[in-house]
Amino acid sequence: MSASTILTIWLHPDHEEEALYHIGEETLTEGGIPFTVTHQPEERVTLDIAPPFTVIHRQKQITFVLGEPLTPGQIEEIAHEVTLGAIFGFMVKGEISLSSESTFNNLERFPSFEKTMKDQQPLSF
């Protein structure tokens, strides 16, 4: 299995089994994507609301190393888990399959974008 894509999710530790089932089994396994899972220890995260108020919550990070790229439909399924509150958020690094013949890699540099940025005039106020 060559690691072409890394999917990282953040979740409440109490939702770990549910997230592993929905993302690992329903989305990845049923989609034919081989993967390995790495668990990070639970951590306490401080959110600064407005000084002097802060909120501390628990979160856990799970990383899926995928053998094949995700499809846009699979990314939508994972995003749906965020809207349901099963996970806090996710990040995809690497290849995303746009069609059977086309793959997008968000880790590669974009020469045309860099050229466009070099040609931009600096903003002055």
Protein backbone atom coordinates (compact mmCIF):
# COMPACT_ATOMS: atom_id res chain seq x y z
CA MET A 1 0.00 0.00 0.00
CA SER A 2 1.56 3.30 -1.08
CA ALA A 3 0.51 6.24 1.05
CA SER A 4 -0.93 8.75 -1.38
CA THR A 5 -3.35 10.49 0.96
CA ILE A 6 -3.52 11.28 4.66
CA LEU A 7 -6.88 11.96 6.31
CA THR A 8 -6.78 13.48 9.79
CA ILE A 9 -9.90 13.90 11.92
CA TRP A 10 -10.39 15.62 15.27
CA LEU A 11 -13.12 14.43 17.59
CA HIS A 12 -14.32 14.17 21.15
CA PRO A 13 -12.78 11.04 22.72
CA ASP A 14 -16.25 9.67 23.55
CA HIS A 15 -17.10 9.60 19.81
CA GLU A 16 -14.06 7.59 18.70
CA GLU A 17 -15.75 4.24 18.06
CA GLU A 18 -18.63 5.85 16.19
CA ALA A 19 -16.26 7.89 13.99
CA LEU A 20 -14.07 4.88 13.26
CA TYR A 21 -17.13 2.94 12.17
CA HIS A 22 -18.68 5.65 10.00
CA ILE A 23 -15.47 6.87 8.39
CA GLY A 24 -13.34 3.73 8.49
CA GLU A 25 -15.94 1.10 7.67
CA GLU A 26 -18.78 2.88 5.87
CA THR A 27 -16.78 5.43 3.86
CA LEU A 28 -13.33 3.94 3.32
CA THR A 29 -13.79 0.15 3.44
CA GLU A 30 -17.03 0.20 1.44
CA GLY A 31 -15.33 2.58 -1.00
CA GLY A 32 -12.54 0.04 -1.53
CA ILE A 33 -9.81 2.18 0.04
CA PRO A 34 -7.21 0.32 2.13
CA PHE A 35 -6.03 2.23 5.19
CA THR A 36 -4.12 2.12 8.44
CA VAL A 37 -5.07 4.12 11.52
CA THR A 38 -2.87 6.01 13.97
CA HIS A 39 -4.33 7.26 17.25
CA GLN A 40 -2.95 10.24 19.14
CA PRO A 41 -3.44 10.52 22.90
CA GLU A 42 -6.32 12.58 24.21
CA GLU A 43 -5.46 16.21 24.81
CA ARG A 44 -7.06 19.17 26.53
CA VAL A 45 -7.47 22.17 24.26
CA THR A 46 -8.04 25.70 25.49
CA LEU A 47 -10.28 27.95 23.42
CA ASP A 48 -10.05 31.67 24.10
CA ILE A 49 -13.56 33.03 23.75
CA ALA A 50 -13.04 36.61 24.91
CA PRO A 51 -10.57 37.64 27.58
CA PRO A 52 -10.69 36.59 30.38
CA PHE A 53 -13.07 33.77 29.40
CA THR A 54 -11.67 30.48 28.17
CA VAL A 55 -13.18 27.06 27.56
CA ILE A 56 -11.25 23.83 27.93
CA HIS A 57 -12.43 20.76 26.06
CA ARG A 58 -11.06 17.29 25.35
CA GLN A 59 -10.17 16.20 21.85
CA LYS A 60 -8.42 13.35 20.10
CA GLN A 61 -6.75 13.15 16.72
CA ILE A 62 -6.98 10.10 14.46
CA THR A 63 -4.93 9.81 11.28
CA PHE A 64 -5.88 7.50 8.41
CA VAL A 65 -3.06 6.68 5.97
CA LEU A 66 -4.90 5.78 2.78
CA GLY A 67 -3.70 3.51 -0.01
CA GLU A 68 -5.81 5.29 -2.63
CA PRO A 69 -7.09 8.85 -3.03
CA LEU A 70 -10.46 9.96 -1.68
CA THR A 71 -13.24 10.93 -4.08
CA PRO A 72 -15.29 14.12 -3.72
CA GLY A 73 -18.27 11.97 -2.68
CA GLN A 74 -16.28 10.39 0.13
CA ILE A 75 -15.10 13.82 1.28
CA GLU A 76 -18.76 14.91 1.39
CA GLU A 77 -19.59 11.85 3.54
CA ILE A 78 -16.83 12.81 5.99
CA ALA A 79 -17.99 16.45 5.98
CA HIS A 80 -21.46 15.19 6.86
CA GLU A 81 -19.98 13.72 10.06
CA VAL A 82 -18.93 17.27 10.99
CA THR A 83 -22.46 18.60 10.45
CA LEU A 84 -23.82 15.80 12.64
CA GLY A 85 -21.33 16.67 15.39
CA ALA A 86 -19.68 13.24 15.33
CA ILE A 87 -16.30 14.86 14.60
CA PHE A 88 -14.97 18.40 15.12
CA GLY A 89 -13.27 18.64 11.73
CA PHE A 90 -10.94 16.97 9.26
CA MET A 91 -8.06 17.62 6.88
CA VAL A 92 -7.05 15.81 3.67
CA LYS A 93 -3.42 15.98 2.54
CA GLY A 94 -2.27 14.43 -0.70
CA GLU A 95 -4.20 13.09 -3.65
CA ILE A 96 -7.92 13.48 -4.30
CA SER A 97 -9.49 11.53 -7.17
CA LEU A 98 -11.57 13.88 -9.34
CA SER A 99 -12.54 11.17 -11.84
CA SER A 100 -11.26 7.81 -13.05
CA GLU A 101 -8.65 9.61 -15.17
CA SER A 102 -7.87 12.72 -13.11
CA THR A 103 -6.22 13.15 -9.71
CA PHE A 104 -5.53 16.38 -7.82
CA ASN A 105 -2.62 16.59 -5.36
CA ASN A 106 -2.93 19.44 -2.86
CA LEU A 107 0.71 19.01 -1.76
CA GLU A 108 2.21 19.80 -5.17
CA ARG A 109 3.21 23.32 -6.04
CA PHE A 110 1.20 25.19 -8.63
CA PRO A 111 3.63 26.93 -11.04
CA SER A 112 0.87 28.91 -12.75
CA PHE A 113 -0.37 30.18 -9.38
CA GLU A 114 3.16 31.16 -8.31
CA LYS A 115 3.69 33.00 -11.61
CA THR A 116 0.39 34.84 -11.19
CA MET A 117 1.34 35.87 -7.66
CA LYS A 118 4.75 37.17 -8.85
CA ASP A 119 3.02 39.31 -11.49
CA GLN A 120 0.69 40.93 -8.93
CA GLN A 121 1.37 44.51 -7.97
CA PRO A 122 1.72 45.15 -4.23
CA LEU A 123 -1.24 46.79 -2.57
CA SER A 124 -0.74 50.28 -1.26
CA PHE A 125 -2.98 52.11 1.18
